């Protein structure tokens, strides 16, 4: 019988390179298709969007900016929360750490990069 819960120690999970910087992927689609929970250190991410996943960013530390859609720039400081719906191009830059929650859990084939022309 499968357990109805997941417990992980984020200090024991190795960070991985990602298009945003470095990410500690604590809860992923392997754990549940419902949600992911990552702690991501963002420096200069590539503009991208997701077709299925809504993302929530909770800024933990540092400062930066987030570009949403075309040229909507918002300042990011600790305590700011940003919700990004599917289909919205976005990117973060600066030097900040955020909790990133994806609903449903983001899968690798649901990340599409915007090409500048």
Foldseek 3Di string as FASTA:
>chain_A
DDDPDDDDDLVPADWDQDQFGTKRWTAAVVNPQFKTKIKDWGAWHFWKFFQQKKKKKAWQAFKWWKDKAPRPIDIDHHGDIDIGDGPIIMGIHGTTIIIMMIGRGDDPVGIGGDDDD
